[in-house]
Amino acid sequence: MPILSRSPVRPVMRALGGAGVLGLLVAGSPGPTAALAGLASGPPVVAPLRAVLPRRLPPSAAFDRACLGSGTAAACNAAALGAIDAARRAEGYGPLPLPAGFSSLGPAGQLLAVANAERTTRGLPAFGASAVLDRLASAGAVAGADPTGPDGYAWGSNIAWGYPTPLAADYGWMYDDGVGSPNVACRAAGDPGCWGHRRNILAPWPGTAGGAALDRPQGWVYAELFVASH
């Protein structure tokens, strides 16, 4: 099993949106539910949908040891999934349902699978995969910048450095995105970038998505791009 750490790198996250993508969701208003092949639709929504959490949920010491120390990918995923499930319980949701064969997907495919699992269990439609958006996400990751969506569409994008697996990045984007988190656009309460990654993942519209993952000497770079259907 590969060792994750090279040198200790603290995670960093940025989010970007275009054409009004960061509008807040209406609490308790589930949208249609769709599923990609191999990803079952989630259970009925049992809690109000929150685009913003009242406070960040910093990862535990066990998460830090497994994902930011010298753990294996399996150990990091176990710790990250445990942290995600605990955070979801606090919101009134069950465990995150990963599709069959998740571990055999590449990192970019895992990004989309995790985002769709977060969405469908909240009554939102799954995003379809797009090779075009994969390329745009990859361009952002290579440049070290948030991917940019196509003109004329609502879109949102996320980028993160320092998380060794997509599940670990999802925890940061979804549950540790407020003041004091690795989100560089959320330095004080009320900053518009606070919870921007979560709002992008839980965008209220159907659409398509792309993802990219680059293994750099200093750690993994993950990028994802969500674009609304026209």
Protein backbone atom coordinates (compact mmCIF):
# COMPACT_ATOMS: atom_id res chain seq x y z
CA MET A 1 0.00 0.00 0.00
CA PRO A 2 1.51 3.36 -0.94
CA ILE A 3 2.52 5.81 1.74
CA LEU A 4 0.72 9.12 1.31
CA SER A 5 2.97 11.68 2.89
CA ARG A 6 6.03 13.22 1.29
CA SER A 7 6.59 16.24 3.49
CA PRO A 8 3.88 17.63 5.79
CA VAL A 9 1.65 19.96 3.75
CA ARG A 10 -1.37 21.64 5.25
CA PRO A 11 -4.42 21.56 2.99
CA VAL A 12 -5.44 24.66 1.04
CA MET A 13 -8.78 25.15 -0.73
CA ARG A 14 -10.29 27.67 -3.12
CA ALA A 15 -13.71 27.88 -4.77
CA LEU A 16 -14.98 29.85 -7.74
CA GLY A 17 -18.38 30.35 -9.29
CA GLY A 18 -19.87 31.97 -12.35
CA ALA A 19 -23.29 33.19 -13.44
CA GLY A 20 -24.81 33.14 -9.98
CA VAL A 21 -23.85 29.61 -9.03
CA LEU A 22 -23.35 30.50 -5.39
CA GLY A 23 -26.97 31.35 -4.69
CA LEU A 24 -28.19 29.71 -1.47
CA LEU A 25 -30.41 26.65 -1.63
CA VAL A 26 -33.88 26.71 -0.15
CA ALA A 27 -33.90 24.60 2.98
CA GLY A 28 -35.92 21.43 2.68
CA SER A 29 -36.61 21.70 -1.06
CA PRO A 30 -35.38 18.49 -2.68
CA GLY A 31 -34.88 18.43 -6.41
CA PRO A 32 -35.23 15.46 -8.73
CA THR A 33 -33.01 12.49 -8.01
CA ALA A 34 -30.89 10.94 -10.74
CA ALA A 35 -28.05 8.43 -10.56
CA LEU A 36 -24.97 7.58 -12.52
CA ALA A 37 -24.33 3.95 -13.41
CA GLY A 38 -23.33 2.11 -10.25
CA LEU A 39 -24.49 4.88 -7.87
CA ALA A 40 -27.84 4.20 -6.28
CA SER A 41 -30.20 7.03 -5.50
CA GLY A 42 -30.02 8.03 -1.88
CA PRO A 43 -32.70 7.52 0.76
CA PRO A 44 -35.45 10.10 1.19
CA VAL A 45 -34.24 13.41 2.55
CA VAL A 46 -34.71 13.41 6.34
CA ALA A 47 -33.26 16.81 7.19
CA PRO A 48 -33.35 20.33 5.76
CA LEU A 49 -30.80 20.88 3.03
CA ARG A 50 -28.08 23.24 4.26
CA ALA A 51 -25.87 25.06 1.81
CA VAL A 52 -23.99 26.57 4.77
CA LEU A 53 -23.20 25.03 8.14
CA PRO A 54 -23.32 27.12 11.32
CA ARG A 55 -19.68 26.32 12.07
CA ARG A 56 -16.80 24.35 10.62
CA LEU A 57 -16.10 20.83 11.83
CA PRO A 58 -12.30 20.57 12.10
CA PRO A 59 -10.94 17.09 11.37
CA SER A 60 -10.02 14.95 14.34
CA ALA A 61 -6.52 14.07 15.42
CA ALA A 62 -7.12 10.59 14.00
CA PHE A 63 -7.98 12.13 10.62
CA ASP A 64 -4.81 14.23 10.72
CA ARG A 65 -2.67 11.22 11.57
CA ALA A 66 -4.18 9.04 8.84
CA CYS A 67 -4.41 11.64 6.08
CA LEU A 68 -1.71 14.21 6.83
CA GLY A 69 0.85 11.95 8.43
CA SER A 70 2.41 8.79 7.04
CA GLY A 71 -0.71 6.70 6.64
CA THR A 72 -1.82 4.62 3.71
CA ALA A 73 -4.54 5.52 1.23
CA ALA A 74 -6.79 2.91 2.83
CA ALA A 75 -6.22 4.33 6.32
CA CYS A 76 -6.89 7.89 5.13
CA ASN A 77 -10.09 6.84 3.34
CA ALA A 78 -11.32 5.00 6.42
CA ALA A 79 -10.66 8.03 8.62
CA ALA A 80 -12.15 10.47 6.10
CA LEU A 81 -15.27 8.37 5.56
CA GLY A 82 -15.73 8.04 9.32
CA ALA A 83 -15.46 11.83 9.68
CA ILE A 84 -17.88 12.41 6.78
CA ASP A 85 -20.41 9.98 8.23
CA ALA A 86 -20.20 11.62 11.67
CA ALA A 87 -20.76 15.05 10.13
CA ARG A 88 -23.67 13.73 8.07
CA ARG A 89 -25.28 12.24 11.19
CA ALA A 90 -25.14 15.67 12.79
CA GLU A 91 -27.15 16.97 9.81
CA GLY A 92 -29.66 14.12 9.99
CA TYR A 93 -28.35 11.96 7.13
CA GLY A 94 -27.13 8.40 6.99
CA PRO A 95 -23.66 7.21 5.96
CA LEU A 96 -22.29 8.36 2.61
CA PRO A 97 -23.20 5.65 0.05
CA LEU A 98 -20.26 5.03 -2.24
CA PRO A 99 -20.91 3.18 -5.52
CA ALA A 100 -19.84 -0.40 -6.10
CA GLY A 101 -16.30 -0.45 -7.43
CA PHE A 102 -15.44 2.94 -5.92
CA SER A 103 -11.92 1.85 -5.01
CA SER A 104 -11.24 0.85 -8.62
CA LEU A 105 -12.10 4.29 -9.97
CA GLY A 106 -9.31 6.75 -10.70
CA PRO A 107 -9.04 9.80 -8.41
CA ALA A 108 -10.93 12.04 -10.85
CA GLY A 109 -13.75 9.51 -11.08
CA GLN A 110 -13.85 9.27 -7.29
CA LEU A 111 -14.28 13.04 -7.03
CA LEU A 112 -17.47 12.89 -9.11
CA ALA A 113 -18.76 9.77 -7.35
CA VAL A 114 -18.34 11.39 -3.93
CA ALA A 115 -19.93 14.68 -5.02
CA ASN A 116 -22.89 12.79 -6.47
CA ALA A 117 -23.30 10.72 -3.31
CA GLU A 118 -23.41 13.94 -1.27
CA ARG A 119 -26.01 15.34 -3.69
CA THR A 120 -28.38 12.41 -4.20
CA THR A 121 -28.72 11.70 -0.49
CA ARG A 122 -29.94 15.29 -0.12
CA GLY A 123 -32.49 14.96 -2.91
CA LEU A 124 -30.41 16.72 -5.56
CA PRO A 125 -29.80 15.30 -9.04
CA ALA A 126 -26.51 13.57 -9.75
CA PHE A 127 -24.18 15.33 -12.18
CA GLY A 128 -23.39 13.54 -15.42
CA ALA A 129 -19.79 12.99 -16.43
CA SER A 130 -18.23 15.15 -19.14
CA ALA A 131 -14.87 14.60 -20.85
CA VAL A 132 -14.92 18.25 -21.93
CA LEU A 133 -15.26 19.41 -18.33
CA ASP A 134 -12.58 16.91 -17.28
CA ARG A 135 -10.20 18.77 -19.58
CA LEU A 136 -11.20 22.16 -18.17
CA ALA A 137 -10.75 20.83 -14.64
CA SER A 138 -7.34 19.44 -15.59
CA ALA A 139 -6.29 22.81 -17.03
CA GLY A 140 -7.17 24.46 -13.72
CA ALA A 141 -5.30 21.85 -11.71
CA VAL A 142 -2.18 22.20 -13.89
CA ALA A 143 -2.33 26.00 -13.51
CA GLY A 144 -2.98 25.76 -9.78
CA ALA A 145 -6.16 27.78 -10.20
CA ASP A 146 -9.87 27.16 -9.94
CA PRO A 147 -11.19 25.75 -13.22
CA THR A 148 -13.28 28.16 -15.26
CA GLY A 149 -16.62 27.10 -16.72
CA PRO A 150 -17.93 27.83 -20.22
CA ASP A 151 -19.51 31.17 -21.06
CA GLY A 152 -23.27 31.37 -20.89
CA TYR A 153 -23.78 28.74 -18.17
CA ALA A 154 -24.07 28.74 -14.41
CA TRP A 155 -21.07 26.91 -13.02
CA GLY A 156 -18.94 26.42 -9.93
CA SER A 157 -15.49 24.97 -9.35
CA ASN A 158 -13.37 23.77 -6.44
CA ILE A 159 -9.64 23.18 -6.07
CA ALA A 160 -7.65 21.80 -3.15
CA TRP A 161 -4.02 21.02 -2.36
CA GLY A 162 -2.66 18.78 0.36
CA TYR A 163 -5.47 16.25 0.77
CA PRO A 164 -4.18 12.79 -0.15
CA THR A 165 -7.49 11.27 -1.33
CA PRO A 166 -10.78 12.53 -2.83
CA LEU A 167 -12.68 11.49 0.31
CA ALA A 168 -10.36 13.61 2.44
CA ALA A 169 -10.86 16.56 0.08
CA ASP A 170 -14.63 16.08 0.27
CA TYR A 171 -14.49 16.37 4.04
CA GLY A 172 -12.69 19.69 3.73
CA TRP A 173 -14.99 21.04 1.03
CA MET A 174 -18.24 19.94 2.65
CA TYR A 175 -17.67 20.12 6.41
CA ASP A 176 -14.55 22.18 7.17
CA ASP A 177 -15.07 25.22 4.92
CA GLY A 178 -15.78 28.01 7.39
CA VAL A 179 -13.68 30.53 9.30
CA GLY A 180 -10.39 29.00 10.45
CA SER A 181 -10.47 26.24 7.82
CA PRO A 182 -8.08 25.70 4.89
CA ASN A 183 -10.48 27.79 2.76
CA VAL A 184 -8.32 30.77 1.81
CA ALA A 185 -11.40 32.80 0.83
CA CYS A 186 -12.92 32.54 4.33
CA ARG A 187 -10.81 34.49 6.75
CA ALA A 188 -13.60 36.25 8.66
CA ALA A 189 -17.29 35.65 9.30
CA GLY A 190 -19.30 36.99 6.40
CA ASP A 191 -16.59 36.60 3.77
CA PRO A 192 -18.36 35.61 0.53
CA GLY A 193 -16.05 32.65 0.01
CA CYS A 194 -17.09 30.94 3.24
CA TRP A 195 -18.71 27.56 2.46
CA GLY A 196 -18.25 28.24 -1.25
CA HIS A 197 -16.99 24.69 -1.92
CA ARG A 198 -20.02 23.18 -0.21
CA ARG A 199 -22.38 25.48 -2.10
CA ASN A 200 -20.78 24.43 -5.38
CA ILE A 201 -21.12 20.70 -4.62
CA LEU A 202 -24.74 21.23 -3.54
CA ALA A 203 -25.69 23.50 -6.45
CA PRO A 204 -29.49 23.31 -6.86
CA TRP A 205 -29.48 22.66 -10.60
CA PRO A 206 -28.94 19.53 -12.74
CA GLY A 207 -25.93 19.47 -14.99
CA THR A 208 -22.61 17.85 -15.77
CA ALA A 209 -19.25 17.79 -14.04
CA GLY A 210 -15.58 17.21 -14.64
CA GLY A 211 -12.74 16.34 -12.32
CA ALA A 212 -8.97 16.20 -12.29
CA ALA A 213 -6.29 14.92 -9.94
CA LEU A 214 -2.57 15.63 -10.22
CA ASP A 215 0.06 13.88 -8.12
CA ARG A 216 2.66 16.58 -7.44
CA PRO A 217 5.91 16.22 -5.44
CA GLN A 218 4.32 18.30 -2.67
CA GLY A 219 1.06 16.32 -2.71
CA TRP A 220 -2.14 15.82 -4.65
CA VAL A 221 -4.05 18.63 -6.38
CA TYR A 222 -7.76 18.03 -6.89
CA ALA A 223 -10.09 20.12 -9.05
CA GLU A 224 -13.73 19.77 -9.96
CA LEU A 225 -16.02 21.78 -12.21
CA PHE A 226 -19.83 21.73 -12.15
CA VAL A 227 -21.87 23.24 -15.01
CA ALA A 228 -25.64 23.66 -15.14
CA SER A 229 -27.65 22.12 -17.94
CA HIS A 230 -28.85 24.64 -20.49
